[in-house]
Amino acid sequence: MTTYDMVEIAELLSIVRGSRIFIPALLAVLCGLRRGEISALRWRAVNLDAGQLSVVESAEQMNNSVR
């Protein structure tokens, strides 16, 4: 597995800052979430007061449809 180092992460976030992919990219690099986990994330899984995010489901793409 290949991972980004801190310089590459900073460059990636700098490139996508201001675009609609910024928050998903931030969740991926800071929280380790996968694409399916990010796309299935709902506000009910986020507790801002406690600073917690719960991964309770994941989306999966099959045959050009999302399940």
C-alpha atoms as a PDB file:
ATOM      1  CA  MET A   1       0.000   0.000   0.000  1.00  0.00           C
ATOM      2  CA  THR A   2       1.241   3.455  -0.874  1.00  0.00           C
ATOM      3  CA  THR A   3       0.390   6.360   1.427  1.00  0.00           C
ATOM      4  CA  TYR A   4       0.901  10.113   1.203  1.00  0.00           C
ATOM      5  CA  ASP A   5       3.439  11.817   3.443  1.00  0.00           C
ATOM      6  CA  MET A   6       2.690  15.128   5.185  1.00  0.00           C
ATOM      7  CA  VAL A   7       4.034  17.229   2.298  1.00  0.00           C
ATOM      8  CA  GLU A   8       1.866  15.369  -0.222  1.00  0.00           C
ATOM      9  CA  ILE A   9      -1.205  15.678   2.024  1.00  0.00           C
ATOM     10  CA  ALA A  10      -0.654  19.433   2.368  1.00  0.00           C
ATOM     11  CA  GLU A  11      -0.266  19.747  -1.418  1.00  0.00           C
ATOM     12  CA  LEU A  12      -3.406  17.680  -2.052  1.00  0.00           C
ATOM     13  CA  LEU A  13      -5.488  19.768   0.358  1.00  0.00           C
ATOM     14  CA  SER A  14      -4.099  22.966  -1.133  1.00  0.00           C
ATOM     15  CA  ILE A  15      -5.109  21.840  -4.632  1.00  0.00           C
ATOM     16  CA  VAL A  16      -8.669  20.821  -3.699  1.00  0.00           C
ATOM     17  CA  ARG A  17      -9.323  23.702  -1.252  1.00  0.00           C
ATOM     18  CA  GLY A  18     -12.420  25.608  -2.339  1.00  0.00           C
ATOM     19  CA  SER A  19     -13.751  22.734  -4.445  1.00  0.00           C
ATOM     20  CA  ARG A  20     -16.598  20.363  -3.591  1.00  0.00           C
ATOM     21  CA  ILE A  21     -14.097  17.537  -3.020  1.00  0.00           C
ATOM     22  CA  PHE A  22     -12.297  19.375  -0.181  1.00  0.00           C
ATOM     23  CA  ILE A  23     -14.366  18.016   2.734  1.00  0.00           C
ATOM     24  CA  PRO A  24     -14.320  14.397   1.464  1.00  0.00           C
ATOM     25  CA  ALA A  25     -10.543  14.654   0.932  1.00  0.00           C
ATOM     26  CA  LEU A  26     -10.118  16.118   4.417  1.00  0.00           C
ATOM     27  CA  LEU A  27     -12.162  13.273   5.947  1.00  0.00           C
ATOM     28  CA  ALA A  28     -10.108  10.744   4.028  1.00  0.00           C
ATOM     29  CA  VAL A  29      -6.685  12.017   5.065  1.00  0.00           C
ATOM     30  CA  LEU A  30      -7.474  13.085   8.633  1.00  0.00           C
ATOM     31  CA  CYS A  31      -9.930  10.370   9.678  1.00  0.00           C
ATOM     32  CA  GLY A  32      -8.922   7.528   7.377  1.00  0.00           C
ATOM     33  CA  LEU A  33     -12.415   7.201   5.946  1.00  0.00           C
ATOM     34  CA  ARG A  34     -12.917   5.333   2.688  1.00  0.00           C
ATOM     35  CA  ARG A  35     -14.957   6.631  -0.256  1.00  0.00           C
ATOM     36  CA  GLY A  36     -18.010   4.492   0.606  1.00  0.00           C
ATOM     37  CA  GLU A  37     -17.899   5.578   4.246  1.00  0.00           C
ATOM     38  CA  ILE A  38     -17.681   9.252   3.271  1.00  0.00           C
ATOM     39  CA  SER A  39     -20.562   9.017   0.806  1.00  0.00           C
ATOM     40  CA  ALA A  40     -22.785   7.233   3.367  1.00  0.00           C
ATOM     41  CA  LEU A  41     -21.988   9.684   6.185  1.00  0.00           C
ATOM     42  CA  ARG A  42     -25.031  11.418   7.675  1.00  0.00           C
ATOM     43  CA  TRP A  43     -25.305  14.242  10.197  1.00  0.00           C
ATOM     44  CA  ARG A  44     -26.869  11.868  12.756  1.00  0.00           C
ATOM     45  CA  ALA A  45     -23.469  10.118  12.908  1.00  0.00           C
ATOM     46  CA  VAL A  46     -21.689  13.370  13.844  1.00  0.00           C
ATOM     47  CA  ASN A  47     -21.548  14.667  17.419  1.00  0.00           C
ATOM     48  CA  LEU A  48     -19.925  18.100  17.317  1.00  0.00           C
ATOM     49  CA  ASP A  49     -20.200  18.601  21.096  1.00  0.00           C
ATOM     50  CA  ALA A  50     -18.252  15.408  21.816  1.00  0.00           C
ATOM     51  CA  GLY A  51     -15.993  15.801  18.769  1.00  0.00           C
ATOM     52  CA  GLN A  52     -16.991  12.366  17.506  1.00  0.00           C
ATOM     53  CA  LEU A  53     -17.841  10.941  14.116  1.00  0.00           C
ATOM     54  CA  SER A  54     -19.276   7.425  13.903  1.00  0.00           C
ATOM     55  CA  VAL A  55     -18.991   5.284  10.790  1.00  0.00           C
ATOM     56  CA  VAL A  56     -22.228   3.296  10.910  1.00  0.00           C
ATOM     57  CA  GLU A  57     -22.748   2.472   7.238  1.00  0.00           C
ATOM     58  CA  SER A  58     -21.003   2.406   3.895  1.00  0.00           C
ATOM     59  CA  ALA A  59     -22.169   2.881   0.309  1.00  0.00           C
ATOM     60  CA  GLU A  60     -21.130   0.475  -2.412  1.00  0.00           C
ATOM     61  CA  GLN A  61     -21.191   1.017  -6.167  1.00  0.00           C
ATOM     62  CA  MET A  62     -22.256  -1.949  -8.265  1.00  0.00           C
ATOM     63  CA  ASN A  63     -23.088  -1.977 -11.982  1.00  0.00           C
ATOM     64  CA  ASN A  64     -23.206   1.838 -12.228  1.00  0.00           C
ATOM     65  CA  SER A  65     -25.657   2.136  -9.323  1.00  0.00           C
ATOM     66  CA  VAL A  66     -25.104   2.938  -5.684  1.00  0.00           C
ATOM     67  CA  ARG A  67     -26.403   0.625  -2.933  1.00  0.00           C
END
